[in-house]
Amino acid sequence: MMQIRFCGFGGQGVVLLGEILGHAAMLAGGWAAQSASYGAEARGSTCSSEVIISDSWIAYPKVAEADVLAALSQSGYDQYISQLRPQGLVLFDASLVIPKETERHYAVLATQLAREQLGNPIVANLIMLGALAEITQIVPKEKLVEAIQARVPSRFLQLNLRAVELGGTLARKA
């Protein structure tokens, strides 16, 4: 079983990340539970999306202690870093987050690269997801692509697929 928490602020697509990853896990034949938490504001408040992936039934659908934290904002990182397992893995958007430590932390310039290489900062979330999927190997790449195709509007599909691929490429280079 792997417990993953995405965090950031409203408007970054954090909830979508959890939905896509959980969907991909189910397409791969696993079990998944996903939940989300966000402030009353539609955009700008801290939010999180939790995904538990297992090869058997999941008794409790909330992340107790994350194996992986993917932080897209400083406030999210600060709020959730203490809820990471001692040997847990952290991916952080180095464009927006200054980590407290460096051990088992992976910097992903998600927002900067989304803007510079893809021309749209809104896909920083998918760059982070691509890096996470490559590093953890939690779901097969083809199932991740299927889940994106099912969850992302067609007019944004190619941009999102390019973002996931860019995230995977960054992770392979690291």
Protein backbone atom coordinates (compact mmCIF):
# COMPACT_ATOMS: atom_id res chain seq x y z
CA MET A 1 0.00 0.00 0.00
CA MET A 2 1.18 3.52 -0.80
CA GLN A 3 -0.26 6.71 0.67
CA ILE A 4 0.24 9.85 -1.42
CA ARG A 5 -0.66 13.44 -0.60
CA PHE A 6 -0.69 16.25 -3.14
CA CYS A 7 -0.89 19.75 -1.70
CA GLY A 8 -0.95 23.27 -3.02
CA PHE A 9 -3.46 26.05 -3.29
CA GLY A 10 -6.86 26.17 -4.92
CA GLY A 11 -6.66 26.61 -8.68
CA GLN A 12 -3.51 24.51 -9.19
CA GLY A 13 -5.37 21.32 -10.05
CA VAL A 14 -4.36 19.46 -6.90
CA VAL A 15 -7.66 17.60 -6.62
CA LEU A 16 -7.43 16.57 -10.28
CA LEU A 17 -4.03 14.98 -9.58
CA GLY A 18 -5.54 12.68 -6.97
CA GLU A 19 -8.43 11.78 -9.24
CA ILE A 20 -6.12 10.93 -12.15
CA LEU A 21 -3.70 8.88 -10.06
CA GLY A 22 -6.50 6.94 -8.35
CA HIS A 23 -8.17 6.29 -11.71
CA ALA A 24 -4.87 5.05 -13.18
CA ALA A 25 -4.37 2.69 -10.24
CA MET A 26 -7.82 1.19 -10.77
CA LEU A 27 -7.20 0.84 -14.51
CA ALA A 28 -4.04 -1.08 -13.60
CA GLY A 29 -6.12 -3.52 -11.54
CA GLY A 30 -5.42 -2.08 -8.10
CA TRP A 31 -7.57 -0.57 -5.42
CA ALA A 32 -7.62 3.17 -4.81
CA ALA A 33 -9.24 5.62 -2.43
CA GLN A 34 -9.12 9.36 -3.02
CA SER A 35 -10.21 12.27 -0.87
CA ALA A 36 -9.69 16.02 -0.99
CA SER A 37 -9.66 18.95 1.39
CA TYR A 38 -9.82 22.62 0.48
CA GLY A 39 -10.80 25.95 1.95
CA ALA A 40 -14.05 27.80 1.38
CA GLU A 41 -12.42 29.99 -1.26
CA ALA A 42 -12.43 28.61 -4.79
CA ARG A 43 -8.87 29.69 -5.46
CA GLY A 44 -5.89 30.63 -3.35
CA SER A 45 -6.51 28.68 -0.14
CA THR A 46 -4.46 25.64 0.84
CA CYS A 47 -5.85 22.38 -0.46
CA SER A 48 -4.82 18.75 -0.58
CA SER A 49 -5.72 15.58 -2.39
CA GLU A 50 -4.95 12.20 -0.89
CA VAL A 51 -4.68 8.90 -2.70
CA ILE A 52 -4.21 5.47 -1.21
CA ILE A 53 -3.23 2.76 -3.67
CA SER A 54 -3.25 -0.89 -2.68
CA ASP A 55 -3.43 -4.36 -4.15
CA SER A 56 -6.27 -5.19 -1.74
CA TRP A 57 -9.34 -3.58 -0.19
CA ILE A 58 -8.64 -0.27 1.60
CA ALA A 59 -10.23 -0.13 5.05
CA TYR A 60 -9.81 3.60 5.71
CA PRO A 61 -9.80 6.12 2.83
CA LYS A 62 -7.71 8.88 4.47
CA VAL A 63 -3.93 9.19 4.48
CA ALA A 64 -2.66 8.77 8.02
CA GLU A 65 1.04 9.15 7.29
CA ALA A 66 2.07 9.87 3.70
CA ASP A 67 4.68 7.78 1.91
CA VAL A 68 4.91 10.55 -0.70
CA LEU A 69 4.21 14.27 -0.44
CA ALA A 70 4.01 16.29 -3.66
CA ALA A 71 3.97 20.00 -2.73
CA LEU A 72 2.95 22.69 -5.20
CA SER A 73 2.93 25.54 -2.66
CA GLN A 74 4.90 26.66 0.37
CA SER A 75 1.82 26.75 2.60
CA GLY A 76 0.92 23.19 1.62
CA TYR A 77 4.47 21.97 2.21
CA ASP A 78 4.59 23.68 5.61
CA GLN A 79 1.23 22.24 6.63
CA TYR A 80 1.83 18.62 5.57
CA ILE A 81 5.56 17.93 5.89
CA SER A 82 5.12 16.82 9.50
CA GLN A 83 2.63 14.14 8.35
CA LEU A 84 5.21 12.33 6.19
CA ARG A 85 6.62 8.93 7.15
CA PRO A 86 10.21 9.13 8.43
CA GLN A 87 11.54 7.57 5.20
CA GLY A 88 8.94 9.30 3.03
CA LEU A 89 9.63 10.92 -0.31
CA VAL A 90 8.98 14.61 -1.06
CA LEU A 91 8.61 16.15 -4.50
CA PHE A 92 8.30 19.91 -4.43
CA ASP A 93 7.81 22.63 -7.01
CA ALA A 94 11.17 24.37 -6.73
CA SER A 95 9.61 27.41 -8.40
CA LEU A 96 7.35 27.96 -5.37
CA VAL A 97 8.63 25.92 -2.38
CA ILE A 98 11.72 26.25 -0.21
CA PRO A 99 12.05 22.93 1.68
CA LYS A 100 13.14 22.66 5.31
CA GLU A 101 15.52 19.82 4.51
CA THR A 102 16.93 18.05 1.49
CA GLU A 103 17.06 14.35 2.36
CA ARG A 104 14.68 12.36 0.13
CA HIS A 105 13.46 15.64 -1.41
CA TYR A 106 13.27 16.01 -5.19
CA ALA A 107 13.07 19.47 -6.73
CA VAL A 108 10.80 19.76 -9.76
CA LEU A 109 10.69 23.15 -11.50
CA ALA A 110 7.08 22.47 -12.41
CA THR A 111 5.66 26.00 -12.61
CA GLN A 112 8.72 27.47 -14.31
CA LEU A 113 8.92 24.70 -16.92
CA ALA A 114 5.17 24.75 -17.53
CA ARG A 115 5.45 28.44 -18.34
CA GLU A 116 8.74 28.34 -20.30
CA GLN A 117 8.52 25.03 -22.18
CA LEU A 118 4.78 24.50 -22.51
CA GLY A 119 3.57 28.10 -22.48
CA ASN A 120 0.97 27.56 -19.76
CA PRO A 121 1.64 27.47 -16.00
CA ILE A 122 -1.67 25.69 -15.37
CA VAL A 123 -0.09 22.33 -16.29
CA ALA A 124 2.55 22.48 -13.55
CA ASN A 125 0.41 19.94 -11.70
CA LEU A 126 0.75 17.39 -14.52
CA ILE A 127 4.52 17.93 -14.66
CA MET A 128 4.59 17.05 -10.95
CA LEU A 129 2.39 13.99 -11.55
CA GLY A 130 4.69 12.79 -14.35
CA ALA A 131 7.73 13.11 -12.08
CA LEU A 132 5.97 11.32 -9.23
CA ALA A 133 4.82 8.47 -11.46
CA GLU A 134 8.32 8.02 -12.89
CA ILE A 135 10.08 8.07 -9.51
CA THR A 136 7.63 5.82 -7.66
CA GLN A 137 6.55 3.57 -10.56
CA ILE A 138 3.21 3.33 -8.71
CA VAL A 139 1.20 3.00 -11.94
CA PRO A 140 2.17 1.95 -15.46
CA LYS A 141 2.65 4.92 -17.79
CA GLU A 142 0.01 3.71 -20.25
CA LYS A 143 -2.60 3.55 -17.45
CA LEU A 144 -1.69 7.08 -16.38
CA VAL A 145 -2.21 8.26 -19.96
CA GLU A 146 -5.59 6.46 -20.10
CA ALA A 147 -6.68 8.15 -16.87
CA ILE A 148 -5.65 11.56 -18.19
CA GLN A 149 -7.59 10.92 -21.39
CA ALA A 150 -10.65 10.08 -19.30
CA ARG A 151 -10.37 13.05 -16.91
CA VAL A 152 -9.06 15.99 -18.96
CA PRO A 153 -11.19 17.92 -21.49
CA SER A 154 -10.18 17.12 -25.07
CA ARG A 155 -9.11 20.69 -25.84
CA PHE A 156 -6.44 20.45 -23.09
CA LEU A 157 -5.50 16.80 -23.58
CA GLN A 158 -2.34 17.17 -25.70
CA LEU A 159 -0.95 19.91 -23.45
CA ASN A 160 -1.55 17.76 -20.36
CA LEU A 161 0.04 14.70 -21.96
CA ARG A 162 3.08 16.76 -22.91
CA ALA A 163 3.30 18.02 -19.32
CA VAL A 164 3.22 14.49 -17.86
CA GLU A 165 5.89 13.40 -20.31
CA LEU A 166 8.06 16.40 -19.38
CA GLY A 167 7.72 15.50 -15.68
CA GLY A 168 8.75 11.91 -16.39
CA THR A 169 11.72 13.06 -18.41
CA LEU A 170 12.86 15.36 -15.60
CA ALA A 171 12.62 12.51 -13.10
CA ARG A 172 14.61 10.14 -15.33
CA LYS A 173 17.37 12.75 -15.64
CA ALA A 174 17.46 13.27 -11.86
